[in-house]
Amino acid sequence: MRNDYRICARSVLGIILFASCFASIADTLVIPNISTQPINAPTGVLRPVRSMTMEQVKMKFGQPRNIISAIGNPPITRWVYDEFVVHFEHTYVIHSVVTK
């Protein structure tokens, strides 16, 4: 019985060592910086900021070139301007993206 325990322990140890070999040779995934949008300042593209209302956006940036109707739950609406797209949840800005 004692030999069975040693064989089992050796098997488990072998499996652990075998599995750790793969972890030690794993590749590193490098993802480029995805936050390369121009800053929201006079040197970049001025665009709406989070929590602005639709009315505030219209007053500051004018009428959008295109309005894409609300989709989903919560409803997400998109307003397309020449230099950026604004995403609204209900009537509030959740994100604005510079177009290239």
N, C-alpha and C. Protein backbone atom coordinates (compact mmCIF):
# COMPACT_ATOMS: atom_id res chain seq x y z
N MET A 1 0.82 -1.20 0.00
CA MET A 1 0.00 0.00 0.00
C MET A 1 0.86 1.25 0.00
N ARG A 2 1.98 1.18 0.72
CA ARG A 2 2.85 2.34 0.77
C ARG A 2 3.44 2.64 -0.61
N ASN A 3 3.76 1.62 -1.38
CA ASN A 3 4.28 1.80 -2.73
C ASN A 3 3.23 2.45 -3.64
N ASP A 4 1.95 2.06 -3.47
CA ASP A 4 0.89 2.67 -4.26
C ASP A 4 0.80 4.18 -4.01
N TYR A 5 0.98 4.55 -2.75
CA TYR A 5 0.93 5.98 -2.40
C TYR A 5 2.09 6.73 -3.05
N ARG A 6 3.28 6.12 -3.04
CA ARG A 6 4.46 6.76 -3.65
C ARG A 6 4.27 6.91 -5.16
N ILE A 7 3.73 5.88 -5.79
CA ILE A 7 3.50 5.93 -7.24
C ILE A 7 2.49 7.03 -7.56
N CYS A 8 1.42 7.12 -6.78
CA CYS A 8 0.40 8.15 -6.99
C CYS A 8 1.00 9.55 -6.77
N ALA A 9 1.78 9.71 -5.71
CA ALA A 9 2.40 11.00 -5.42
C ALA A 9 3.36 11.40 -6.53
N ARG A 10 4.14 10.44 -7.03
CA ARG A 10 5.06 10.72 -8.14
C ARG A 10 4.30 11.11 -9.40
N SER A 11 3.20 10.43 -9.65
CA SER A 11 2.38 10.76 -10.83
C SER A 11 1.84 12.18 -10.75
N VAL A 12 1.32 12.52 -9.58
CA VAL A 12 0.78 13.87 -9.39
C VAL A 12 1.89 14.91 -9.55
N LEU A 13 3.06 14.64 -8.94
CA LEU A 13 4.18 15.55 -9.06
C LEU A 13 4.62 15.69 -10.51
N GLY A 14 4.64 14.58 -11.22
CA GLY A 14 5.01 14.62 -12.64
C GLY A 14 4.04 15.46 -13.47
N ILE A 15 2.78 15.31 -13.20
CA ILE A 15 1.76 16.09 -13.93
C ILE A 15 1.93 17.58 -13.63
N ILE A 16 2.17 17.92 -12.38
CA ILE A 16 2.36 19.34 -12.02
C ILE A 16 3.59 19.91 -12.71
N LEU A 17 4.70 19.16 -12.69
CA LEU A 17 5.92 19.63 -13.35
C LEU A 17 5.72 19.76 -14.86
N PHE A 18 5.03 18.79 -15.44
CA PHE A 18 4.75 18.83 -16.88
C PHE A 18 3.93 20.06 -17.25
N ALA A 19 2.89 20.35 -16.46
CA ALA A 19 2.02 21.50 -16.72
C ALA A 19 2.77 22.82 -16.51
N SER A 20 3.67 22.86 -15.53
CA SER A 20 4.40 24.10 -15.27
C SER A 20 5.38 24.42 -16.39
N CYS A 21 5.83 23.41 -17.13
CA CYS A 21 6.73 23.66 -18.27
C CYS A 21 6.04 24.52 -19.31
N PHE A 22 4.76 24.27 -19.55
CA PHE A 22 4.04 25.05 -20.54
C PHE A 22 3.84 26.49 -20.09
N ALA A 23 3.64 26.68 -18.81
CA ALA A 23 3.46 28.04 -18.29
C ALA A 23 4.74 28.84 -18.41
N SER A 24 5.88 28.18 -18.29
CA SER A 24 7.15 28.90 -18.34
C SER A 24 7.56 29.28 -19.76
N ILE A 25 6.97 28.68 -20.78
CA ILE A 25 7.33 29.02 -22.15
C ILE A 25 6.21 29.77 -22.88
N ALA A 26 5.29 30.33 -22.13
CA ALA A 26 4.16 31.02 -22.74
C ALA A 26 4.63 32.31 -23.42
N ASP A 27 3.98 32.66 -24.51
CA ASP A 27 4.28 33.90 -25.22
C ASP A 27 3.65 35.08 -24.51
N THR A 28 4.21 36.24 -24.72
CA THR A 28 3.66 37.47 -24.19
C THR A 28 2.91 38.18 -25.32
N LEU A 29 1.66 38.48 -25.08
CA LEU A 29 0.85 39.18 -26.07
C LEU A 29 0.98 40.68 -25.82
N VAL A 30 1.44 41.41 -26.83
CA VAL A 30 1.59 42.85 -26.71
C VAL A 30 0.49 43.51 -27.51
N ILE A 31 -0.32 44.32 -26.84
CA ILE A 31 -1.42 45.01 -27.49
C ILE A 31 -1.04 46.48 -27.60
N PRO A 32 -1.11 47.05 -28.80
CA PRO A 32 -0.75 48.47 -28.93
C PRO A 32 -1.73 49.35 -28.15
N ASN A 33 -1.27 50.52 -27.81
CA ASN A 33 -2.10 51.46 -27.06
C ASN A 33 -3.32 51.84 -27.90
N ILE A 34 -4.52 51.52 -27.40
CA ILE A 34 -5.73 51.79 -28.17
C ILE A 34 -6.35 53.14 -27.81
N SER A 35 -5.73 53.85 -26.87
CA SER A 35 -6.28 55.15 -26.49
C SER A 35 -5.53 56.26 -27.22
N THR A 36 -5.48 56.16 -28.54
CA THR A 36 -4.73 57.13 -29.32
C THR A 36 -5.60 58.22 -29.93
N GLN A 37 -6.82 58.36 -29.43
CA GLN A 37 -7.66 59.43 -29.92
C GLN A 37 -7.08 60.77 -29.49
N PRO A 38 -7.24 61.80 -30.29
CA PRO A 38 -6.77 63.12 -29.87
C PRO A 38 -7.43 63.53 -28.56
N ILE A 39 -6.70 64.25 -27.75
CA ILE A 39 -7.25 64.67 -26.47
C ILE A 39 -8.40 65.64 -26.67
N ASN A 40 -9.28 65.71 -25.70
CA ASN A 40 -10.44 66.59 -25.76
C ASN A 40 -10.02 67.97 -25.27
N ALA A 41 -9.24 68.65 -26.08
CA ALA A 41 -8.70 69.97 -25.74
C ALA A 41 -8.54 70.76 -27.03
N PRO A 42 -8.23 72.06 -26.94
CA PRO A 42 -8.07 72.87 -28.16
C PRO A 42 -7.04 72.31 -29.13
N THR A 43 -6.04 71.54 -28.65
CA THR A 43 -5.05 70.98 -29.56
C THR A 43 -5.55 69.72 -30.26
N GLY A 44 -6.65 69.14 -29.78
CA GLY A 44 -7.22 67.93 -30.38
C GLY A 44 -8.59 68.25 -30.95
N VAL A 45 -9.43 67.22 -31.10
CA VAL A 45 -10.79 67.40 -31.61
C VAL A 45 -11.72 67.60 -30.42
N LEU A 46 -12.31 68.77 -30.32
CA LEU A 46 -13.28 69.00 -29.26
C LEU A 46 -14.52 68.18 -29.54
N ARG A 47 -15.00 67.51 -28.53
CA ARG A 47 -16.19 66.67 -28.69
C ARG A 47 -16.94 66.61 -27.36
N PRO A 48 -18.18 66.17 -27.38
CA PRO A 48 -18.98 66.10 -26.15
C PRO A 48 -18.34 65.19 -25.11
N VAL A 49 -18.58 65.53 -23.85
CA VAL A 49 -18.06 64.72 -22.75
C VAL A 49 -19.20 63.95 -22.09
N ARG A 50 -18.85 62.95 -21.35
CA ARG A 50 -19.82 62.08 -20.67
C ARG A 50 -20.78 62.90 -19.81
N SER A 51 -22.02 62.53 -19.82
CA SER A 51 -23.14 63.07 -19.04
C SER A 51 -23.73 64.36 -19.60
N MET A 52 -23.23 64.86 -20.74
CA MET A 52 -23.91 65.98 -21.38
C MET A 52 -25.25 65.50 -21.91
N THR A 53 -26.24 66.36 -21.94
CA THR A 53 -27.54 65.99 -22.49
C THR A 53 -27.57 66.23 -24.00
N MET A 54 -28.58 65.68 -24.65
CA MET A 54 -28.73 65.90 -26.09
C MET A 54 -28.87 67.40 -26.39
N GLU A 55 -29.62 68.09 -25.56
CA GLU A 55 -29.81 69.53 -25.77
C GLU A 55 -28.49 70.29 -25.65
N GLN A 56 -27.67 69.93 -24.66
CA GLN A 56 -26.38 70.59 -24.48
C GLN A 56 -25.47 70.33 -25.68
N VAL A 57 -25.51 69.11 -26.19
CA VAL A 57 -24.68 68.77 -27.35
C VAL A 57 -25.13 69.58 -28.56
N LYS A 58 -26.45 69.67 -28.79
CA LYS A 58 -26.97 70.46 -29.92
C LYS A 58 -26.57 71.92 -29.80
N MET A 59 -26.67 72.46 -28.58
CA MET A 59 -26.34 73.87 -28.38
C MET A 59 -24.85 74.13 -28.63
N LYS A 60 -23.98 73.22 -28.22
CA LYS A 60 -22.53 73.44 -28.34
C LYS A 60 -21.98 73.06 -29.71
N PHE A 61 -22.50 71.97 -30.31
CA PHE A 61 -21.92 71.44 -31.55
C PHE A 61 -22.84 71.54 -32.76
N GLY A 62 -24.07 71.99 -32.56
CA GLY A 62 -25.00 72.12 -33.68
C GLY A 62 -25.73 70.83 -33.99
N GLN A 63 -26.52 70.89 -35.05
CA GLN A 63 -27.31 69.75 -35.49
C GLN A 63 -26.38 68.67 -36.07
N PRO A 64 -26.56 67.39 -35.71
CA PRO A 64 -25.72 66.33 -36.27
C PRO A 64 -26.01 66.11 -37.75
N ARG A 65 -25.02 65.59 -38.45
CA ARG A 65 -25.18 65.28 -39.87
C ARG A 65 -26.15 64.13 -40.06
N ASN A 66 -26.14 63.17 -39.11
CA ASN A 66 -27.00 61.99 -39.21
C ASN A 66 -27.35 61.54 -37.79
N ILE A 67 -28.60 61.09 -37.60
CA ILE A 67 -29.03 60.55 -36.31
C ILE A 67 -29.42 59.09 -36.53
N ILE A 68 -28.77 58.20 -35.80
CA ILE A 68 -29.07 56.77 -35.89
C ILE A 68 -29.97 56.43 -34.70
N SER A 69 -31.15 55.96 -34.99
CA SER A 69 -32.17 55.72 -33.97
C SER A 69 -31.71 54.79 -32.87
N ALA A 70 -32.41 54.88 -31.75
CA ALA A 70 -32.07 54.08 -30.57
C ALA A 70 -32.22 52.60 -30.85
N ILE A 71 -31.26 51.83 -30.32
CA ILE A 71 -31.23 50.37 -30.46
C ILE A 71 -30.97 49.77 -29.08
N GLY A 72 -31.64 48.69 -28.76
CA GLY A 72 -31.34 47.91 -27.57
C GLY A 72 -32.01 48.40 -26.31
N ASN A 73 -31.60 47.77 -25.21
CA ASN A 73 -32.12 48.12 -23.90
C ASN A 73 -30.96 48.12 -22.92
N PRO A 74 -30.51 49.23 -22.43
CA PRO A 74 -31.07 50.57 -22.56
C PRO A 74 -30.87 51.08 -23.99
N PRO A 75 -31.73 52.00 -24.41
CA PRO A 75 -31.65 52.51 -25.77
C PRO A 75 -30.38 53.33 -26.00
N ILE A 76 -29.62 52.96 -27.03
CA ILE A 76 -28.40 53.67 -27.40
C ILE A 76 -28.64 54.37 -28.73
N THR A 77 -28.50 55.69 -28.73
CA THR A 77 -28.68 56.50 -29.92
C THR A 77 -27.32 57.04 -30.34
N ARG A 78 -27.08 57.15 -31.65
CA ARG A 78 -25.82 57.72 -32.14
C ARG A 78 -26.10 58.95 -32.98
N TRP A 79 -25.34 59.99 -32.73
CA TRP A 79 -25.37 61.19 -33.56
C TRP A 79 -24.03 61.28 -34.27
N VAL A 80 -24.07 61.43 -35.59
CA VAL A 80 -22.86 61.47 -36.40
C VAL A 80 -22.58 62.92 -36.80
N TYR A 81 -21.41 63.39 -36.43
CA TYR A 81 -20.91 64.69 -36.85
C TYR A 81 -19.76 64.46 -37.83
N ASP A 82 -19.23 65.50 -38.42
CA ASP A 82 -18.15 65.34 -39.40
C ASP A 82 -16.88 64.75 -38.78
N GLU A 83 -16.53 65.16 -37.55
CA GLU A 83 -15.27 64.73 -36.96
C GLU A 83 -15.42 63.69 -35.84
N PHE A 84 -16.63 63.44 -35.37
CA PHE A 84 -16.82 62.50 -34.28
C PHE A 84 -18.23 61.94 -34.29
N VAL A 85 -18.43 60.87 -33.50
CA VAL A 85 -19.74 60.24 -33.32
C VAL A 85 -20.02 60.25 -31.82
N VAL A 86 -21.24 60.62 -31.45
CA VAL A 86 -21.63 60.69 -30.05
C VAL A 86 -22.62 59.56 -29.76
N HIS A 87 -22.38 58.82 -28.68
CA HIS A 87 -23.26 57.73 -28.25
C HIS A 87 -24.02 58.20 -27.02
N PHE A 88 -25.34 58.07 -27.08
CA PHE A 88 -26.21 58.47 -25.97
C PHE A 88 -26.89 57.24 -25.39
N GLU A 89 -27.02 57.22 -24.07
CA GLU A 89 -27.89 56.26 -23.40
C GLU A 89 -29.06 57.09 -22.88
N HIS A 90 -30.25 56.80 -23.38
CA HIS A 90 -31.42 57.65 -23.17
C HIS A 90 -31.09 59.04 -23.73
N THR A 91 -30.91 60.06 -22.90
CA THR A 91 -30.61 61.41 -23.41
C THR A 91 -29.24 61.91 -22.96
N TYR A 92 -28.40 61.03 -22.40
CA TYR A 92 -27.11 61.45 -21.88
C TYR A 92 -25.95 60.84 -22.66
N VAL A 93 -24.89 61.62 -22.87
CA VAL A 93 -23.70 61.14 -23.57
C VAL A 93 -23.02 60.08 -22.71
N ILE A 94 -22.70 58.95 -23.32
CA ILE A 94 -21.91 57.94 -22.62
C ILE A 94 -20.51 57.83 -23.23
N HIS A 95 -20.37 58.27 -24.50
CA HIS A 95 -19.07 58.17 -25.16
C HIS A 95 -19.09 59.00 -26.44
N SER A 96 -17.96 59.56 -26.79
CA SER A 96 -17.82 60.20 -28.09
C SER A 96 -16.52 59.72 -28.71
N VAL A 97 -16.58 59.41 -29.99
CA VAL A 97 -15.45 58.80 -30.69
C VAL A 97 -15.05 59.65 -31.88
N VAL A 98 -13.75 59.93 -32.00
CA VAL A 98 -13.24 60.68 -33.13
C VAL A 98 -13.21 59.75 -34.35
N THR A 99 -13.74 60.23 -35.48
CA THR A 99 -13.69 59.43 -36.72
C THR A 99 -12.43 59.77 -37.48
N LYS A 100 -11.96 58.78 -38.21
CA LYS A 100 -10.70 59.00 -38.95
C LYS A 100 -10.96 59.21 -40.41
